[in-house]
Amino acid sequence: MKNFAAIDFETANAERTSVCSVGVVIVRDGEIVDSYYSLIQPEPNYYSYWCQRVHGLGHKDTDNAPLFPDVWAQIEPLIQGLPLVAHNKAFDENCLKAVFRCYQMDYPDYEFHCTLVASRRQLRQLPDHKLDTVAAYCGYDLFRHHHALADAEACAHIAIKIL
């Protein structure tokens, strides 16, 4: 796969609608050509202790952030016609579908691919298939793990190597 958009969401709480940040990396002809990052005001708008511990985001970061429909209006033209790729696509795809439903937006049935599944199939020698482990194997140093753009960049590097 030479053309795709790697995507990663962080959530504020256990609700899949509570996306609080998104990172998108555009790959064309096997090269990263563009990226996008935004904070998002989550819905419902509260942060669980565990989610905050993972990504470090809280109300101070997102109280003045745009709502998802406004953010997606900026992302949509960037990803038009591209398949989406995520590490553990079940999470990110479910978040995307949930937030589309939450805001009563028509979901365009995006094509999703999963670097987690692909890495489990192709890189059996690794001790685990967590994003940072697989990214390191593929030559990407994920030093800001759980920052949506850094995670999307790691996913893009993995996808370029193994998809």
Protein backbone atom coordinates (compact mmCIF):
# COMPACT_ATOMS: atom_id res chain seq x y z
CA MET A 1 0.00 0.00 0.00
CA LYS A 2 1.58 3.25 -1.15
CA ASN A 3 -1.22 5.76 -0.49
CA PHE A 4 -3.10 5.98 2.81
CA ALA A 5 -3.83 8.09 5.87
CA ALA A 6 -2.64 6.87 9.27
CA ILE A 7 -4.95 7.99 12.06
CA ASP A 8 -4.89 7.91 15.84
CA PHE A 9 -7.36 9.10 18.47
CA GLU A 10 -6.95 9.69 22.18
CA THR A 11 -10.06 9.60 24.36
CA ALA A 12 -10.97 11.48 27.53
CA ASN A 13 -12.81 8.58 29.16
CA ALA A 14 -14.12 5.09 28.42
CA GLU A 15 -16.76 6.39 25.99
CA ARG A 16 -15.65 6.00 22.37
CA THR A 17 -17.31 9.34 21.58
CA SER A 18 -14.92 11.15 23.93
CA VAL A 19 -12.16 11.74 21.40
CA CYS A 20 -10.00 14.55 22.76
CA SER A 21 -7.24 14.60 20.16
CA VAL A 22 -6.56 13.27 16.68
CA GLY A 23 -3.45 12.84 14.60
CA VAL A 24 -3.47 12.11 10.87
CA VAL A 25 -0.47 11.41 8.65
CA ILE A 26 -0.89 11.39 4.86
CA VAL A 27 1.27 8.99 2.84
CA ARG A 28 1.49 9.17 -0.94
CA ASP A 29 3.75 6.98 -3.06
CA GLY A 30 5.19 5.51 0.14
CA GLU A 31 6.30 8.91 1.52
CA ILE A 32 4.86 11.05 4.30
CA VAL A 33 3.64 14.22 2.61
CA ASP A 34 1.37 15.89 5.16
CA SER A 35 0.11 15.68 8.73
CA TYR A 36 -2.63 17.14 10.88
CA TYR A 37 -3.14 17.36 14.64
CA SER A 38 -5.92 18.86 16.71
CA LEU A 39 -7.26 18.83 20.20
CA ILE A 40 -11.00 18.17 20.36
CA GLN A 41 -13.57 19.01 23.01
CA PRO A 42 -14.70 15.53 24.10
CA GLU A 43 -18.28 14.29 24.31
CA PRO A 44 -19.06 13.56 27.09
CA ASN A 45 -16.78 16.28 28.38
CA TYR A 46 -15.07 14.70 31.38
CA TYR A 47 -11.69 13.05 31.87
CA SER A 48 -11.12 9.76 33.63
CA TYR A 49 -8.07 9.47 35.82
CA TRP A 50 -6.74 6.54 33.77
CA CYS A 51 -7.06 8.25 30.40
CA GLN A 52 -5.36 11.37 31.72
CA ARG A 53 -2.50 9.24 33.02
CA VAL A 54 -2.05 7.73 29.56
CA HIS A 55 -1.97 10.90 27.42
CA GLY A 56 -1.72 13.76 29.89
CA LEU A 57 -4.60 15.75 28.41
CA GLY A 58 -7.31 17.38 30.50
CA HIS A 59 -9.84 20.19 30.59
CA LYS A 60 -7.13 22.84 30.50
CA ASP A 61 -6.16 21.50 27.07
CA THR A 62 -9.57 21.00 25.46
CA ASP A 63 -12.09 23.39 27.05
CA ASN A 64 -11.51 25.86 24.22
CA ALA A 65 -10.86 23.23 21.55
CA PRO A 66 -13.20 22.80 18.58
CA LEU A 67 -15.93 20.18 18.48
CA PHE A 68 -15.41 17.05 16.39
CA PRO A 69 -17.48 18.15 13.35
CA ASP A 70 -15.30 21.25 12.94
CA VAL A 71 -12.11 19.21 13.21
CA TRP A 72 -13.37 16.56 10.79
CA ALA A 73 -14.23 19.27 8.25
CA GLN A 74 -10.50 20.01 8.11
CA ILE A 75 -9.44 16.34 7.99
CA GLU A 76 -11.93 15.15 5.38
CA PRO A 77 -10.31 16.86 2.36
CA LEU A 78 -6.87 15.56 3.41
CA ILE A 79 -7.98 11.91 3.48
CA GLN A 80 -10.40 11.94 0.56
CA GLY A 81 -10.05 8.76 -1.46
CA LEU A 82 -7.47 7.24 0.88
CA PRO A 83 -7.81 4.11 3.00
CA LEU A 84 -7.26 4.68 6.72
CA VAL A 85 -4.65 2.81 8.72
CA ALA A 86 -4.48 2.48 12.51
CA HIS A 87 -2.55 0.40 15.01
CA ASN A 88 -5.41 -1.51 16.64
CA LYS A 89 -7.98 -0.34 14.13
CA ALA A 90 -10.80 -1.73 16.28
CA PHE A 91 -10.29 1.14 18.72
CA ASP A 92 -9.81 3.98 16.26
CA GLU A 93 -12.48 2.82 13.82
CA ASN A 94 -14.97 2.40 16.68
CA CYS A 95 -14.13 5.89 17.96
CA LEU A 96 -14.65 7.37 14.51
CA LYS A 97 -17.98 5.61 14.00
CA ALA A 98 -19.17 6.51 17.51
CA VAL A 99 -18.37 10.18 17.21
CA PHE A 100 -20.00 10.35 13.78
CA ARG A 101 -23.17 8.85 15.36
CA CYS A 102 -22.91 11.20 18.35
CA TYR A 103 -22.95 14.26 16.09
CA GLN A 104 -25.48 12.72 13.67
CA MET A 105 -23.03 12.86 10.78
CA ASP A 106 -23.26 10.48 7.82
CA TYR A 107 -20.43 7.97 8.09
CA PRO A 108 -18.82 7.41 4.67
CA ASP A 109 -17.79 3.79 5.43
CA TYR A 110 -14.05 4.38 5.39
CA GLU A 111 -11.79 1.49 4.39
CA PHE A 112 -9.61 0.65 7.44
CA HIS A 113 -6.43 -1.42 7.70
CA CYS A 114 -4.70 -2.52 10.89
CA THR A 115 -0.95 -2.47 11.49
CA LEU A 116 -1.42 -4.38 14.76
CA VAL A 117 -2.98 -7.35 12.97
CA ALA A 118 -0.38 -7.14 10.18
CA SER A 119 2.51 -6.99 12.66
CA ARG A 120 1.21 -10.03 14.56
CA ARG A 121 1.05 -11.92 11.28
CA GLN A 122 4.38 -10.78 9.81
CA LEU A 123 6.61 -10.02 12.80
CA ARG A 124 6.14 -13.04 15.03
CA GLN A 125 9.68 -12.72 16.35
CA LEU A 126 8.84 -9.56 18.33
CA PRO A 127 8.27 -9.92 22.11
CA ASP A 128 4.97 -8.01 21.76
CA HIS A 129 3.17 -6.01 19.10
CA LYS A 130 2.58 -2.77 20.96
CA LEU A 131 2.90 0.35 18.86
CA ASP A 132 6.23 1.44 20.33
CA THR A 133 7.76 -2.04 19.95
CA VAL A 134 6.71 -2.44 16.32
CA ALA A 135 7.65 1.16 15.49
CA ALA A 136 11.15 0.64 16.91
CA TYR A 137 11.53 -2.53 14.85
CA CYS A 138 10.53 -0.53 11.76
CA GLY A 139 13.08 2.19 12.54
CA TYR A 140 10.84 4.82 14.13
CA ASP A 141 11.61 6.15 17.62
CA LEU A 142 8.24 6.76 19.27
CA PHE A 143 9.39 9.13 22.01
CA ARG A 144 5.98 10.80 22.53
CA HIS A 145 3.82 7.69 22.82
CA HIS A 146 0.11 8.48 23.33
CA HIS A 147 0.37 11.83 21.57
CA ALA A 148 -2.07 11.33 18.70
CA LEU A 149 0.20 12.75 16.00
CA ALA A 150 3.28 10.84 17.19
CA ASP A 151 1.25 7.63 17.29
CA ALA A 152 -0.13 8.29 13.79
CA GLU A 153 3.43 8.92 12.54
CA ALA A 154 4.58 5.64 14.10
CA CYS A 155 1.65 3.84 12.48
CA ALA A 156 2.51 5.40 9.11
CA HIS A 157 6.12 4.21 9.35
CA ILE A 158 4.95 0.70 10.27
CA ALA A 159 2.43 0.64 7.41
CA ILE A 160 5.05 1.79 4.89
CA LYS A 161 7.25 -1.15 5.97
CA ILE A 162 4.73 -3.98 6.34
CA LEU A 163 1.51 -3.24 4.47
